[in-house]
Amino acid sequence: MASARPKRSYTVRSSATHGRGAFATRTIRKGARIIEYRGARSSWDVASERPLSDPADPYHTLLFELSDGTVIDAGLRGNAARWINHGCQPNCEAIEYDDGRVFIHARRTIRAGEELAYDYRLSFVGPITRKAREALTCRCGAKRCRGTLLLKVPAKTKRRARQS
């Protein structure tokens, strides 16, 4: 007789933050590995040629960039990790392992019912239009919300930001 698979520590449902979200189904201890961020791997060039994950919301992204420039596109062969929303004071963090796999870990103890969140630290190449800035507005509700899903560039280095 095969042993029962342990119950997942999260579930996906509607979120007040944005669309769908992942929520803890039980207490998750600080440092625990929760889920791997999965999807099709490719270069940015290949990923940018694919159709939008949500044509009605062109700024909704399921792309995760790795340190070597590879992209994980959770819109293709992705899993529930794609529903973890951004938070400016997150309870989770994304950790890239040496083998290129990305796992979401608990930054602190997370109680049952809490929404899982990590800081997306999105980068944006080129000028940001008003429409894009509005679409990338953060709605996490944190006391120290920075107001955007984008990783802010310090004011003195804005002019020299990389334009790759």
Protein backbone atom coordinates (compact mmCIF):
# COMPACT_ATOMS: atom_id res chain seq x y z
CA MET A 1 0.00 0.00 0.00
CA ALA A 2 1.42 3.37 -1.08
CA SER A 3 1.73 6.08 1.55
CA ALA A 4 -0.58 9.05 1.22
CA ARG A 5 0.96 12.14 -0.34
CA PRO A 6 1.28 15.01 2.16
CA LYS A 7 -1.40 17.69 1.81
CA ARG A 8 -0.23 20.83 -0.02
CA SER A 9 0.45 23.76 2.25
CA TYR A 10 -1.45 26.17 -0.05
CA THR A 11 -4.56 26.50 -2.17
CA VAL A 12 -5.42 28.85 -5.05
CA ARG A 13 -8.52 31.03 -4.89
CA SER A 14 -9.74 34.58 -5.56
CA SER A 15 -7.58 37.30 -4.06
CA ALA A 16 -8.39 40.84 -2.93
CA THR A 17 -4.85 41.81 -4.00
CA HIS A 18 -5.12 40.77 -7.65
CA GLY A 19 -7.23 38.17 -9.46
CA ARG A 20 -6.23 34.80 -8.06
CA GLY A 21 -3.81 34.17 -5.24
CA ALA A 22 -2.22 31.35 -3.27
CA PHE A 23 -3.20 31.00 0.39
CA ALA A 24 -1.72 28.91 3.20
CA THR A 25 -3.91 25.94 4.16
CA ARG A 26 -1.89 25.32 7.33
CA THR A 27 0.95 26.93 9.27
CA ILE A 28 4.10 27.13 7.14
CA ARG A 29 7.30 27.49 9.13
CA LYS A 30 9.96 30.11 8.41
CA GLY A 31 12.44 28.80 5.83
CA ALA A 32 10.12 26.08 4.51
CA ARG A 33 10.23 25.39 0.77
CA ILE A 34 6.65 25.81 -0.44
CA ILE A 35 6.58 25.29 -4.21
CA GLU A 36 8.80 25.32 -7.28
CA TYR A 37 8.14 28.01 -9.91
CA ARG A 38 7.67 25.93 -13.06
CA GLY A 39 7.07 26.63 -16.72
CA ALA A 40 8.62 26.54 -20.18
CA ARG A 41 12.23 27.76 -20.26
CA SER A 42 13.53 29.96 -23.04
CA SER A 43 15.39 33.16 -23.80
CA TRP A 44 13.71 36.58 -23.42
CA ASP A 45 13.61 36.85 -27.21
CA VAL A 46 11.65 33.61 -27.56
CA ALA A 47 9.35 34.42 -24.61
CA SER A 48 8.56 37.89 -25.99
CA GLU A 49 7.38 36.35 -29.27
CA ARG A 50 4.74 34.23 -27.52
CA PRO A 51 1.15 35.46 -27.26
CA LEU A 52 0.28 37.42 -24.12
CA SER A 53 -0.84 35.34 -21.14
CA ASP A 54 -3.84 37.66 -20.81
CA PRO A 55 -4.60 39.81 -23.89
CA ALA A 56 -7.02 41.92 -21.82
CA ASP A 57 -4.16 42.75 -19.42
CA PRO A 58 -0.92 43.01 -21.42
CA TYR A 59 1.12 43.90 -18.32
CA HIS A 60 0.15 40.71 -16.47
CA THR A 61 3.26 38.61 -16.64
CA LEU A 62 4.03 35.03 -15.72
CA LEU A 63 7.70 35.35 -16.69
CA PHE A 64 10.47 34.79 -14.15
CA GLU A 65 13.99 35.82 -15.18
CA LEU A 66 16.92 33.75 -13.92
CA SER A 67 20.42 35.01 -13.20
CA ASP A 68 21.72 33.57 -16.51
CA GLY A 69 19.07 35.45 -18.55
CA THR A 70 16.88 32.38 -19.07
CA VAL A 71 13.15 32.94 -18.57
CA ILE A 72 10.64 30.61 -16.95
CA ASP A 73 7.24 31.18 -18.59
CA ALA A 74 4.59 29.86 -16.20
CA GLY A 75 1.97 30.60 -18.85
CA LEU A 76 3.22 27.41 -20.55
CA ARG A 77 3.43 24.26 -18.42
CA GLY A 78 3.31 26.39 -15.28
CA ASN A 79 1.96 25.38 -11.90
CA ALA A 80 0.20 27.05 -8.96
CA ALA A 81 3.30 29.16 -8.13
CA ARG A 82 2.22 31.53 -10.91
CA TRP A 83 -0.71 32.64 -8.73
CA ILE A 84 1.44 33.89 -5.86
CA ASN A 85 0.95 37.65 -5.85
CA HIS A 86 3.42 40.46 -5.24
CA GLY A 87 3.80 42.03 -1.83
CA CYS A 88 6.01 44.92 -0.68
CA GLN A 89 6.35 43.31 2.77
CA PRO A 90 6.26 39.69 1.59
CA ASN A 91 6.00 36.55 3.68
CA CYS A 92 7.81 34.54 0.98
CA GLU A 93 10.89 34.85 -1.20
CA ALA A 94 11.92 33.30 -4.50
CA ILE A 95 15.27 31.53 -4.32
CA GLU A 96 17.17 30.45 -7.42
CA TYR A 97 19.21 27.30 -6.83
CA ASP A 98 22.54 26.54 -8.50
CA ASP A 99 20.80 24.15 -10.93
CA GLY A 100 18.54 26.99 -12.21
CA ARG A 101 15.41 25.83 -10.40
CA VAL A 102 13.41 28.45 -8.48
CA PHE A 103 11.56 27.67 -5.27
CA ILE A 104 9.32 29.86 -3.17
CA HIS A 105 10.31 29.78 0.53
CA ALA A 106 8.67 31.19 3.64
CA ARG A 107 10.50 34.30 4.93
CA ARG A 108 8.65 34.01 8.23
CA THR A 109 6.06 31.74 9.80
CA ILE A 110 2.87 31.98 7.74
CA ARG A 111 -0.47 31.22 9.37
CA ALA A 112 -3.30 29.25 7.76
CA GLY A 113 -5.46 31.56 5.64
CA GLU A 114 -2.71 34.13 4.90
CA GLU A 115 -2.10 34.97 1.27
CA LEU A 116 1.38 34.03 0.04
CA ALA A 117 3.34 36.89 -1.51
CA TYR A 118 6.87 37.68 -2.63
CA ASP A 119 8.45 40.85 -4.02
CA TYR A 120 8.38 40.57 -7.81
CA ARG A 121 11.09 43.23 -8.23
CA LEU A 122 10.03 43.65 -11.86
CA SER A 123 12.32 45.43 -14.28
CA PHE A 124 11.05 47.37 -17.25
CA VAL A 125 13.16 48.24 -20.29
CA GLY A 126 12.62 51.65 -21.86
CA PRO A 127 10.33 54.52 -20.94
CA ILE A 128 7.31 53.64 -18.85
CA THR A 129 4.03 55.02 -20.15
CA ARG A 130 1.32 56.26 -17.83
CA LYS A 131 -0.80 53.23 -18.81
CA ALA A 132 2.05 50.82 -17.96
CA ARG A 133 2.76 52.58 -14.66
CA GLU A 134 -0.93 52.32 -13.72
CA ALA A 135 -1.05 48.66 -14.72
CA LEU A 136 2.01 47.95 -12.55
CA THR A 137 0.58 49.71 -9.49
CA CYS A 138 0.88 47.64 -6.33
CA ARG A 139 -2.27 46.88 -4.37
CA CYS A 140 -0.72 44.80 -1.60
CA GLY A 141 -1.98 47.08 1.19
CA ALA A 142 1.27 46.88 3.19
CA LYS A 143 2.08 49.74 5.58
CA ARG A 144 5.25 50.43 3.60
CA CYS A 145 3.89 49.68 0.14
CA ARG A 146 6.15 51.28 -2.48
CA GLY A 147 3.18 51.65 -4.83
CA THR A 148 4.59 49.64 -7.73
CA LEU A 149 5.52 46.09 -8.68
CA LEU A 150 8.67 47.53 -10.26
CA LEU A 151 12.03 47.48 -8.58
CA LYS A 152 12.73 51.15 -8.06
CA VAL A 153 16.05 52.49 -9.29
CA PRO A 154 17.72 54.98 -6.93
CA ALA A 155 17.24 58.56 -8.18
CA LYS A 156 20.96 59.24 -8.79
CA THR A 157 21.33 56.18 -11.05
CA LYS A 158 18.09 56.51 -13.04
CA ARG A 159 19.78 58.07 -16.03
CA ARG A 160 22.33 55.29 -16.23
CA ALA A 161 19.88 52.40 -15.82
CA ARG A 162 20.67 49.51 -18.13
CA GLN A 163 18.67 49.57 -21.35
CA SER A 164 19.27 46.04 -22.61
